[in-house]
Amino acid sequence: MTQQPTSAKDALAPQLFEELSAIKSAALADDYAYRQLAHLTENIGPRQTGSAQADAAADYVAGELRSMGLDVHLEEVKVPHWVRGTETAQLVEYAGQAPGTAQKIVLTALGGSTSTPADGITAEVVVVNNFDELKALGRDKIAGKIVLFNEIFDKQKAAAGMAMMSYGESVPYRAVGAKVAADLGAAAALVRSVGSADYRLPHTGFSVPAGIPAGAVTAEDADLIAHLAVQGPVRMHLTLTPQKLPDVISHNVVADLKGSEHPEQIVVISGHLDSWDLGTGAIDDGAGVVVATEAAEVLQKLHLHPKRTLRVIAWMDEETGGSGSQAYAKAHASEFAQHVAAIESDSGAAHPLGFDAKVSKPAADALRPVMQVLQSFGASALRDSAYAPGADITAMSEAGVPALGLMQDGRTYFYYHHTAADTLDKVVPAELRENAAAMAVMAYALTNMKDPLPR
């Protein structure tokens, strides 16, 4: 006779099961998160680190959490302040060129890029598919030239549900390509945009400062340059004029809903408040912030009292170096032994599938009844992760804190990620409510389970 798995109702304390069910129902019927996201993206707008909008967003989120009755602190963070300038490129010499013409290239500067002269530079483009090809060419063939890394984002893998794996394979060229090219004397470095939709949209992102201009071209333009380079030398006129301004003081928003029995034990739920400047940061990562804030809003609305402290954090500077999470780790490292768990949502706003988890096996076993509560809308997967499933919770994870990340359907996430198309219309309200429900249920379970998760 086959033994049936224990139901969540049987596995969880009766009161906790009833409370988790009520939280799920309330969150699935509540548009608080969407209203907050609309304000962050449309009223405040892009929230690039160091910008006035980033500061306004921190003040706004702090005010919202304070109005719920949470104990709110704005914790100082020194952040970089990089601003975009002119971004133009043309192919000015190539095989078969019609006399007196040039071809426009669509591109954007990468965060951390230095500037060309105001009137730009003109140089030959060398196309490579990977770092090995670049190094094989050597300094003699790279010095003074523009390097284009033509690493192709694996769209089939992304469409099959492994978008984060595709991203992980391609993003090193954006992150350190300029540095590797600069070490060989390159005049500038370009990367094929790291993304899965071919709408001639350039995808920005952070690039380790390398002392040379760095940009991302669209997938279509990367193909164009690569095809022409096979036929003969290709010369480009490139103008990128970003500026690195002095660092400024910004803030993480840290808000506590104090535990009634164990206030010293802390469950972190979070998203990052800063965004890139091309779009308005709806899926990356305004959605994560509002999903975390709604978890607190639902508990307050239902008059539920966590036994452990629920800490909502809106991180600053996830995109350009992680100074917000570094500042938090420095200020709160002594508390990490009492951090029961840390959750981050930073993979979009599409339908949630469950959680990625860097936790011990006993902790995963303890969480499985909670995942069953989320089964009704398909968010019951608990996937083992070899690394912290969220950049901002990495330091906590490395200190032994159980770490979880909301796992969303990522098949279309990299269509819009780091582009001008990351806007509110890409968020489906019903799916955002599902994310809020998953976050709220998990957060409350962690605060009210009899024992903290085993490490």
Protein backbone atom coordinates (compact mmCIF):
# COMPACT_ATOMS: atom_id res chain seq x y z
CA MET A 1 0.00 0.00 0.00
CA THR A 2 1.40 3.39 -1.03
CA GLN A 3 1.71 5.84 1.83
CA GLN A 4 0.18 9.23 1.04
CA PRO A 5 2.34 12.30 1.71
CA THR A 6 1.44 14.23 4.83
CA SER A 7 -0.72 17.24 3.96
CA ALA A 8 0.25 20.74 4.99
CA LYS A 9 -2.82 20.85 7.21
CA ASP A 10 -1.59 17.80 9.10
CA ALA A 11 2.10 18.77 9.12
CA LEU A 12 1.71 22.35 10.35
CA ALA A 13 0.29 23.49 13.64
CA PRO A 14 -3.46 24.05 13.10
CA GLN A 15 -3.34 27.76 13.93
CA LEU A 16 -0.33 28.35 11.67
CA PHE A 17 -1.98 26.49 8.79
CA GLU A 18 -5.12 28.61 9.14
CA GLU A 19 -3.09 31.82 9.30
CA LEU A 20 -1.02 30.90 6.23
CA SER A 21 -4.19 30.09 4.31
CA ALA A 22 -5.70 33.44 5.28
CA ILE A 23 -2.52 35.27 4.23
CA LYS A 24 -2.53 33.52 0.86
CA SER A 25 -6.16 34.41 0.20
CA ALA A 26 -5.73 38.01 1.27
CA ALA A 27 -2.61 38.56 -0.86
CA LEU A 28 -4.19 37.01 -3.93
CA ALA A 29 -7.06 39.51 -3.63
CA ASP A 30 -4.93 42.59 -2.85
CA ASP A 31 -3.57 45.06 -5.40
CA TYR A 32 -1.44 46.97 -2.89
CA ALA A 33 1.81 45.79 -4.50
CA TYR A 34 0.73 46.84 -7.99
CA ARG A 35 -0.32 50.29 -6.80
CA GLN A 36 3.04 50.73 -5.11
CA LEU A 37 4.88 49.54 -8.20
CA ALA A 38 2.94 51.99 -10.36
CA HIS A 39 4.04 54.84 -8.10
CA LEU A 40 7.69 53.76 -8.04
CA THR A 41 7.91 53.33 -11.81
CA GLU A 42 5.58 55.98 -13.20
CA ASN A 43 5.55 58.73 -10.59
CA ILE A 44 9.15 58.44 -9.41
CA GLY A 45 10.65 56.82 -12.51
CA PRO A 46 14.12 55.31 -13.09
CA ARG A 47 16.05 54.94 -9.84
CA GLN A 48 19.71 54.78 -10.82
CA THR A 49 22.12 54.69 -7.91
CA GLY A 50 23.06 58.22 -6.85
CA SER A 51 20.07 59.84 -8.55
CA ALA A 52 17.39 62.07 -7.06
CA GLN A 53 14.81 59.43 -8.01
CA ALA A 54 16.64 56.76 -6.01
CA ASP A 55 16.56 59.01 -2.94
CA ALA A 56 12.89 59.84 -3.50
CA ALA A 57 12.06 56.15 -3.79
CA ALA A 58 13.83 55.34 -0.52
CA ASP A 59 11.90 58.10 1.24
CA TYR A 60 8.63 56.93 -0.29
CA VAL A 61 9.06 53.26 0.65
CA ALA A 62 10.17 54.24 4.15
CA GLY A 63 7.06 56.38 4.53
CA GLU A 64 4.78 53.57 3.37
CA LEU A 65 6.30 51.09 5.80
CA ARG A 66 6.20 53.63 8.61
CA SER A 67 2.51 54.23 7.95
CA MET A 68 1.91 50.49 8.48
CA GLY A 69 3.39 50.78 11.96
CA LEU A 70 6.80 49.24 11.28
CA ASP A 71 9.96 50.49 12.97
CA VAL A 72 11.76 52.08 10.01
CA HIS A 73 15.41 53.10 9.64
CA LEU A 74 17.17 54.68 6.69
CA GLU A 75 20.66 53.22 6.88
CA GLU A 76 23.42 55.19 5.14
CA VAL A 77 25.25 53.75 2.14
CA LYS A 78 27.96 55.45 0.09
CA VAL A 79 27.09 54.71 -3.53
CA PRO A 80 28.66 55.37 -6.92
CA HIS A 81 27.13 58.08 -9.11
CA TRP A 82 27.60 57.36 -12.81
CA VAL A 83 25.56 59.22 -15.42
CA ARG A 84 24.95 58.44 -19.07
CA GLY A 85 25.95 60.83 -21.85
CA THR A 86 25.98 60.77 -25.65
CA GLU A 87 25.71 57.28 -27.16
CA THR A 88 26.25 56.99 -30.89
CA ALA A 89 28.09 54.71 -33.28
CA GLN A 90 28.45 54.35 -37.03
CA LEU A 91 30.22 51.92 -39.29
CA VAL A 92 32.28 54.22 -41.48
CA GLU A 93 34.31 51.71 -43.51
CA TYR A 94 33.48 48.15 -44.57
CA ALA A 95 33.35 45.89 -47.63
CA GLY A 96 30.81 46.84 -50.29
CA GLN A 97 30.08 50.21 -48.71
CA ALA A 98 28.12 52.63 -50.90
CA PRO A 99 30.18 55.79 -51.42
CA GLY A 100 29.41 58.61 -49.01
CA THR A 101 27.37 56.47 -46.59
CA ALA A 102 27.66 55.02 -43.10
CA GLN A 103 25.56 52.58 -41.08
CA LYS A 104 24.10 53.47 -37.71
CA ILE A 105 24.78 51.05 -34.83
CA VAL A 106 22.33 50.97 -31.91
CA LEU A 107 24.13 50.75 -28.58
CA THR A 108 24.24 51.97 -25.01
CA ALA A 109 27.02 52.56 -22.52
CA LEU A 110 27.65 50.02 -19.80
CA GLY A 111 27.70 51.21 -16.21
CA GLY A 112 31.29 51.90 -15.19
CA SER A 113 32.32 52.88 -18.71
CA THR A 114 34.72 55.75 -19.17
CA SER A 115 34.26 58.37 -21.89
CA THR A 116 35.58 58.74 -25.39
CA PRO A 117 36.66 62.24 -26.37
CA ALA A 118 33.64 64.47 -27.01
CA ASP A 119 34.00 63.96 -30.75
CA GLY A 120 34.44 60.19 -30.39
CA ILE A 121 37.05 57.75 -31.67
CA THR A 122 37.41 55.91 -34.97
CA ALA A 123 39.03 52.48 -34.98
CA GLU A 124 38.88 49.04 -36.52
CA VAL A 125 36.52 46.55 -34.87
CA VAL A 126 37.87 43.12 -33.96
CA VAL A 127 35.12 40.52 -33.44
CA VAL A 128 35.73 37.63 -31.03
CA ASN A 129 33.33 34.99 -29.75
CA ASN A 130 35.02 34.33 -26.42
CA PHE A 131 37.95 35.20 -24.18
CA ASP A 132 40.14 32.46 -25.61
CA GLU A 133 39.85 33.92 -29.12
CA LEU A 134 40.76 37.35 -27.78
CA LYS A 135 43.84 36.11 -25.95
CA ALA A 136 44.94 34.07 -28.98
CA LEU A 137 45.00 37.25 -31.08
CA GLY A 138 47.32 38.92 -28.58
CA ARG A 139 48.25 42.53 -27.99
CA ASP A 140 49.65 43.13 -31.50
CA LYS A 141 46.23 42.54 -33.09
CA ILE A 142 44.14 44.17 -30.34
CA ALA A 143 45.99 47.34 -29.32
CA GLY A 144 44.23 50.50 -30.47
CA LYS A 145 41.17 48.64 -31.76
CA ILE A 146 37.55 48.26 -30.65
CA VAL A 147 36.82 44.72 -29.45
CA LEU A 148 33.33 43.29 -29.93
CA PHE A 149 32.53 40.24 -27.80
CA ASN A 150 29.93 38.37 -29.84
CA GLU A 151 28.87 35.80 -27.23
CA ILE A 152 25.33 34.76 -28.22
CA PHE A 153 22.70 34.49 -25.48
CA ASP A 154 21.21 30.97 -25.61
CA LYS A 155 17.57 31.75 -26.39
CA GLN A 156 16.52 28.10 -26.68
CA LYS A 157 17.80 27.36 -23.22
CA ALA A 158 15.97 30.42 -21.89
CA ALA A 159 12.74 29.41 -23.62
CA ALA A 160 13.03 25.99 -22.00
CA GLY A 161 13.04 27.54 -18.52
CA MET A 162 16.78 27.92 -17.97
CA ALA A 163 17.07 31.66 -18.58
CA MET A 164 19.30 32.26 -15.57
CA MET A 165 21.73 29.66 -16.87
CA SER A 166 21.84 31.42 -20.24
CA TYR A 167 22.45 34.71 -18.47
CA GLY A 168 25.24 33.23 -16.39
CA GLU A 169 26.98 31.99 -19.52
CA SER A 170 26.84 35.36 -21.32
CA VAL A 171 27.13 37.97 -18.58
CA PRO A 172 30.88 37.57 -17.88
CA TYR A 173 31.59 39.25 -21.22
CA ARG A 174 29.57 42.27 -20.14
CA ALA A 175 30.99 42.27 -16.61
CA VAL A 176 34.73 41.91 -17.30
CA GLY A 177 35.12 41.97 -21.08
CA ALA A 178 36.28 45.58 -21.13
CA LYS A 179 38.91 44.86 -18.48
CA VAL A 180 40.27 41.87 -20.39
CA ALA A 181 40.33 43.88 -23.64
CA ALA A 182 41.96 46.89 -21.94
CA ASP A 183 44.73 44.67 -20.63
CA LEU A 184 45.61 43.93 -24.27
CA GLY A 185 45.58 47.62 -25.23
CA ALA A 186 42.09 47.88 -26.78
CA ALA A 187 40.75 51.39 -27.38
CA ALA A 188 37.18 50.36 -26.44
CA ALA A 189 35.10 47.25 -25.82
CA LEU A 190 31.60 46.36 -26.94
CA VAL A 191 29.50 43.36 -26.02
CA ARG A 192 26.56 41.74 -27.74
CA SER A 193 23.57 42.59 -25.53
CA VAL A 194 22.88 39.97 -22.89
CA GLY A 195 19.23 39.19 -23.53
CA SER A 196 16.86 36.93 -25.41
CA ALA A 197 14.61 39.16 -27.55
CA ASP A 198 15.73 40.62 -30.84
CA TYR A 199 13.87 43.93 -30.92
CA ARG A 200 17.04 45.95 -31.61
CA LEU A 201 17.09 46.93 -27.95
CA PRO A 202 20.47 47.41 -26.26
CA HIS A 203 20.77 45.90 -22.77
CA THR A 204 22.90 47.86 -20.31
CA GLY A 205 24.45 46.58 -17.07
CA PHE A 206 27.53 46.95 -14.95
CA SER A 207 31.01 46.54 -16.38
CA VAL A 208 34.07 46.55 -14.16
CA PRO A 209 35.74 49.93 -14.78
CA ALA A 210 38.61 49.31 -17.15
CA GLY A 211 39.75 52.76 -18.19
CA ILE A 212 38.28 52.40 -21.69
CA PRO A 213 34.80 53.07 -23.10
CA ALA A 214 32.48 50.07 -22.82
CA GLY A 215 29.08 49.56 -24.42
CA ALA A 216 26.48 47.01 -25.46
CA VAL A 217 25.24 46.75 -29.05
CA THR A 218 21.97 45.14 -30.06
CA ALA A 219 21.98 41.50 -31.13
CA GLU A 220 21.09 42.57 -34.67
CA ASP A 221 23.98 45.02 -34.88
CA ALA A 222 26.40 42.48 -33.42
CA ASP A 223 25.39 40.13 -36.23
CA LEU A 224 25.83 42.90 -38.80
CA ILE A 225 29.33 43.74 -37.62
CA ALA A 226 30.33 40.07 -37.42
CA HIS A 227 29.05 39.39 -40.95
CA LEU A 228 30.88 42.40 -42.41
CA ALA A 229 34.09 41.56 -40.52
CA VAL A 230 34.27 38.23 -42.36
CA GLN A 231 34.34 40.18 -45.64
CA GLY A 232 37.08 42.62 -44.66
CA PRO A 233 38.14 45.30 -42.18
CA VAL A 234 35.33 47.19 -40.41
CA ARG A 235 35.93 50.63 -38.93
CA MET A 236 33.59 52.28 -36.45
CA HIS A 237 33.19 55.82 -35.19
CA LEU A 238 32.15 55.51 -31.54
CA THR A 239 31.02 58.23 -29.13
CA LEU A 240 30.23 57.39 -25.50
CA THR A 241 30.43 60.23 -22.98
CA PRO A 242 29.29 58.96 -19.56
CA GLN A 243 30.66 60.58 -16.41
CA LYS A 244 31.74 59.14 -13.08
CA LEU A 245 30.68 61.75 -10.54
CA PRO A 246 31.76 61.75 -6.87
CA ASP A 247 30.20 59.08 -4.67
CA VAL A 248 27.13 60.19 -2.74
CA ILE A 249 25.29 59.11 0.40
CA SER A 250 22.15 57.08 -0.21
CA HIS A 251 20.17 54.65 1.95
CA ASN A 252 18.91 51.14 2.46
CA VAL A 253 15.39 51.09 3.85
CA VAL A 254 15.22 48.72 6.83
CA ALA A 255 11.83 48.21 8.50
CA ASP A 256 11.01 45.86 11.37
CA LEU A 257 7.72 44.33 12.36
CA LYS A 258 8.84 43.31 15.83
CA GLY A 259 8.39 39.72 16.95
CA SER A 260 6.07 39.12 19.87
CA GLU A 261 8.08 36.27 21.42
CA HIS A 262 11.58 36.34 19.89
CA PRO A 263 12.21 39.88 18.63
CA GLU A 264 15.95 39.21 18.46
CA GLN A 265 15.38 36.50 15.82
CA ILE A 266 15.06 38.07 12.37
CA VAL A 267 13.54 36.97 9.06
CA VAL A 268 14.63 39.23 6.16
CA ILE A 269 12.43 39.75 3.10
CA SER A 270 13.76 42.05 0.41
CA GLY A 271 14.16 43.45 -3.08
CA HIS A 272 16.46 46.12 -4.49
CA LEU A 273 15.25 49.66 -4.96
CA ASP A 274 17.80 50.95 -7.47
CA SER A 275 17.33 50.35 -11.18
CA TRP A 276 19.02 51.15 -14.45
CA ASP A 277 18.11 54.42 -16.12
CA LEU A 278 16.95 53.24 -19.54
CA GLY A 279 13.56 51.97 -18.36
CA THR A 280 11.70 52.46 -15.09
CA GLY A 281 12.81 49.33 -13.23
CA ALA A 282 9.48 47.54 -13.00
CA ILE A 283 10.69 43.96 -13.25
CA ASP A 284 14.23 44.76 -12.07
CA ASP A 285 13.55 45.25 -9.29
CA GLY A 286 10.63 47.45 -8.27
CA ALA A 287 8.55 44.28 -8.24
CA GLY A 288 10.80 42.70 -5.61
CA VAL A 289 10.51 45.71 -3.33
CA VAL A 290 6.72 45.92 -3.49
CA VAL A 291 6.26 42.17 -3.03
CA ALA A 292 8.29 42.39 0.17
CA THR A 293 6.40 45.45 1.42
CA GLU A 294 3.07 43.80 0.70
CA ALA A 295 4.00 40.87 2.93
CA ALA A 296 4.11 43.30 5.86
CA GLU A 297 0.94 45.07 4.68
CA VAL A 298 -1.05 41.82 4.57
CA LEU A 299 0.03 40.80 8.06
CA GLN A 300 -0.94 44.19 9.44
CA LYS A 301 -4.26 44.15 7.63
CA LEU A 302 -5.07 40.71 9.06
CA HIS A 303 -3.83 41.73 12.54
CA LEU A 304 -1.40 38.82 12.60
CA HIS A 305 1.59 39.06 14.90
CA PRO A 306 4.87 37.35 13.95
CA LYS A 307 6.64 35.65 16.84
CA ARG A 308 10.01 36.54 15.32
CA THR A 309 10.88 39.92 13.84
CA LEU A 310 9.99 40.34 10.19
CA ARG A 311 12.51 42.72 8.58
CA VAL A 312 11.67 44.31 5.23
CA ILE A 313 14.69 45.66 3.35
CA ALA A 314 14.71 47.75 0.18
CA TRP A 315 18.34 47.51 -0.90
CA MET A 316 20.25 50.30 -2.59
CA ASP A 317 22.93 49.72 -5.25
CA GLU A 318 22.46 46.11 -6.24
CA GLU A 319 23.12 47.05 -9.86
CA THR A 320 26.47 48.85 -9.64
CA GLY A 321 28.52 47.08 -7.03
CA GLY A 322 26.37 46.02 -4.09
CA SER A 323 27.42 48.73 -1.66
CA GLY A 324 24.01 48.53 0.06
CA SER A 325 24.30 44.87 0.98
CA GLN A 326 27.94 45.39 1.94
CA ALA A 327 26.97 48.23 4.30
CA TYR A 328 24.24 46.07 5.85
CA ALA A 329 26.65 43.19 6.38
CA LYS A 330 29.13 45.50 8.07
CA ALA A 331 26.49 47.03 10.34
CA HIS A 332 24.60 43.85 11.20
CA ALA A 333 27.14 41.02 11.03
CA SER A 334 26.90 40.54 14.79
CA GLU A 335 23.19 39.75 14.35
CA PHE A 336 23.63 37.12 11.63
CA ALA A 337 23.64 34.30 14.17
CA GLN A 338 20.08 35.40 14.99
CA HIS A 339 18.99 35.83 11.36
CA VAL A 340 16.63 32.90 10.87
CA ALA A 341 16.41 33.29 7.08
CA ALA A 342 16.83 35.81 4.29
CA ILE A 343 14.65 36.06 1.18
CA GLU A 344 15.17 38.21 -1.90
CA SER A 345 13.00 38.65 -4.98
CA ASP A 346 15.11 39.79 -7.95
CA SER A 347 14.08 37.69 -10.92
CA GLY A 348 11.12 39.65 -12.23
CA ALA A 349 7.40 39.62 -11.63
CA ALA A 350 6.15 36.70 -13.71
CA HIS A 351 4.22 33.74 -12.33
CA PRO A 352 6.07 32.32 -9.28
CA LEU A 353 7.06 28.67 -9.37
CA GLY A 354 8.32 28.47 -5.80
CA PHE A 355 11.67 29.23 -4.19
CA ASP A 356 15.32 28.62 -4.90
CA ALA A 357 16.92 27.72 -1.59
CA LYS A 358 20.46 27.53 -0.28
CA VAL A 359 19.57 25.71 2.93
CA SER A 360 20.43 22.50 4.72
CA LYS A 361 18.47 19.34 3.96
CA PRO A 362 16.73 19.45 7.37
CA ALA A 363 15.71 23.05 6.64
CA ALA A 364 14.35 22.06 3.23
CA ASP A 365 12.37 19.25 4.84
CA ALA A 366 10.92 21.70 7.36
CA LEU A 367 9.79 24.00 4.55
CA ARG A 368 7.99 21.41 2.43
CA PRO A 369 4.65 21.68 4.27
CA VAL A 370 4.77 25.44 3.69
CA MET A 371 5.31 24.86 -0.02
CA GLN A 372 2.13 22.77 -0.07
CA VAL A 373 0.18 25.83 1.03
CA LEU A 374 1.33 27.49 -2.21
CA GLN A 375 0.38 24.52 -4.39
CA SER A 376 -3.04 25.96 -5.29
CA PHE A 377 -1.46 28.52 -7.63
CA GLY A 378 1.55 26.50 -8.69
CA ALA A 379 4.25 28.04 -6.51
CA SER A 380 5.23 24.89 -4.63
CA ALA A 381 8.69 24.10 -6.06
CA LEU A 382 11.63 24.18 -3.67
CA ARG A 383 14.81 23.99 -5.73
CA ASP A 384 18.22 23.45 -4.19
CA SER A 385 20.69 26.20 -5.05
CA ALA A 386 24.46 25.98 -4.82
CA TYR A 387 24.74 29.74 -4.23
CA ALA A 388 22.72 32.48 -2.58
CA PRO A 389 19.61 33.09 -4.72
CA GLY A 390 19.92 36.86 -4.53
CA ALA A 391 22.96 39.13 -4.76
CA ASP A 392 21.99 41.22 -1.73
CA ILE A 393 21.63 38.24 0.60
CA THR A 394 24.96 36.64 -0.35
CA ALA A 395 26.85 37.85 2.72
CA MET A 396 24.15 36.47 5.01
CA SER A 397 24.16 33.17 3.15
CA GLU A 398 27.94 32.92 3.43
CA ALA A 399 27.57 33.47 7.18
CA GLY A 400 25.27 30.44 7.36
CA VAL A 401 21.87 32.15 7.19
CA PRO A 402 19.35 30.04 5.22
CA ALA A 403 18.75 31.92 1.95
CA LEU A 404 15.77 31.79 -0.39
CA GLY A 405 14.87 33.54 -3.62
CA LEU A 406 11.48 33.78 -5.26
CA MET A 407 11.68 31.65 -8.40
CA GLN A 408 9.67 33.13 -11.27
CA ASP A 409 8.88 31.92 -14.77
CA GLY A 410 11.90 33.51 -16.44
CA ARG A 411 11.20 32.74 -20.08
CA THR A 412 10.56 36.37 -21.03
CA TYR A 413 12.52 38.14 -18.26
CA PHE A 414 15.60 38.75 -20.40
CA TYR A 415 13.51 40.28 -23.19
CA TYR A 416 13.30 43.42 -21.06
CA HIS A 417 16.03 43.13 -18.41
CA HIS A 418 18.26 46.27 -18.31
CA THR A 419 16.51 47.83 -21.33
CA ALA A 420 14.27 50.80 -22.02
CA ALA A 421 11.38 48.32 -22.13
CA ASP A 422 11.54 47.48 -18.40
CA THR A 423 8.31 49.33 -17.66
CA LEU A 424 5.10 48.80 -15.71
CA ASP A 425 3.14 47.32 -18.61
CA LYS A 426 5.37 44.22 -18.52
CA VAL A 427 3.95 43.30 -15.09
CA VAL A 428 0.72 41.27 -14.99
CA PRO A 429 -1.21 42.32 -11.85
CA ALA A 430 -2.49 38.80 -11.14
CA GLU A 431 1.04 37.37 -11.33
CA LEU A 432 2.37 40.11 -9.05
CA ARG A 433 -0.34 39.16 -6.53
CA GLU A 434 0.86 35.55 -6.72
CA ASN A 435 4.41 36.65 -5.97
CA ALA A 436 3.19 38.69 -3.02
CA ALA A 437 1.24 35.70 -1.72
CA ALA A 438 4.26 33.41 -1.99
CA MET A 439 6.51 35.92 -0.21
CA ALA A 440 4.00 36.63 2.53
CA VAL A 441 3.23 32.97 3.22
CA MET A 442 6.90 32.02 3.38
CA ALA A 443 7.81 35.04 5.49
CA TYR A 444 5.10 34.42 8.07
CA ALA A 445 5.84 30.70 8.23
CA LEU A 446 9.48 31.44 8.99
CA THR A 447 8.54 33.89 11.73
CA ASN A 448 6.00 31.58 13.36
CA MET A 449 7.31 28.05 12.97
CA LYS A 450 8.01 26.45 16.33
CA ASP A 451 11.76 26.24 15.75
CA PRO A 452 14.13 28.31 13.61
CA LEU A 453 15.30 26.65 10.42
CA PRO A 454 18.24 24.32 11.11
CA ARG A 455 21.46 25.56 9.54
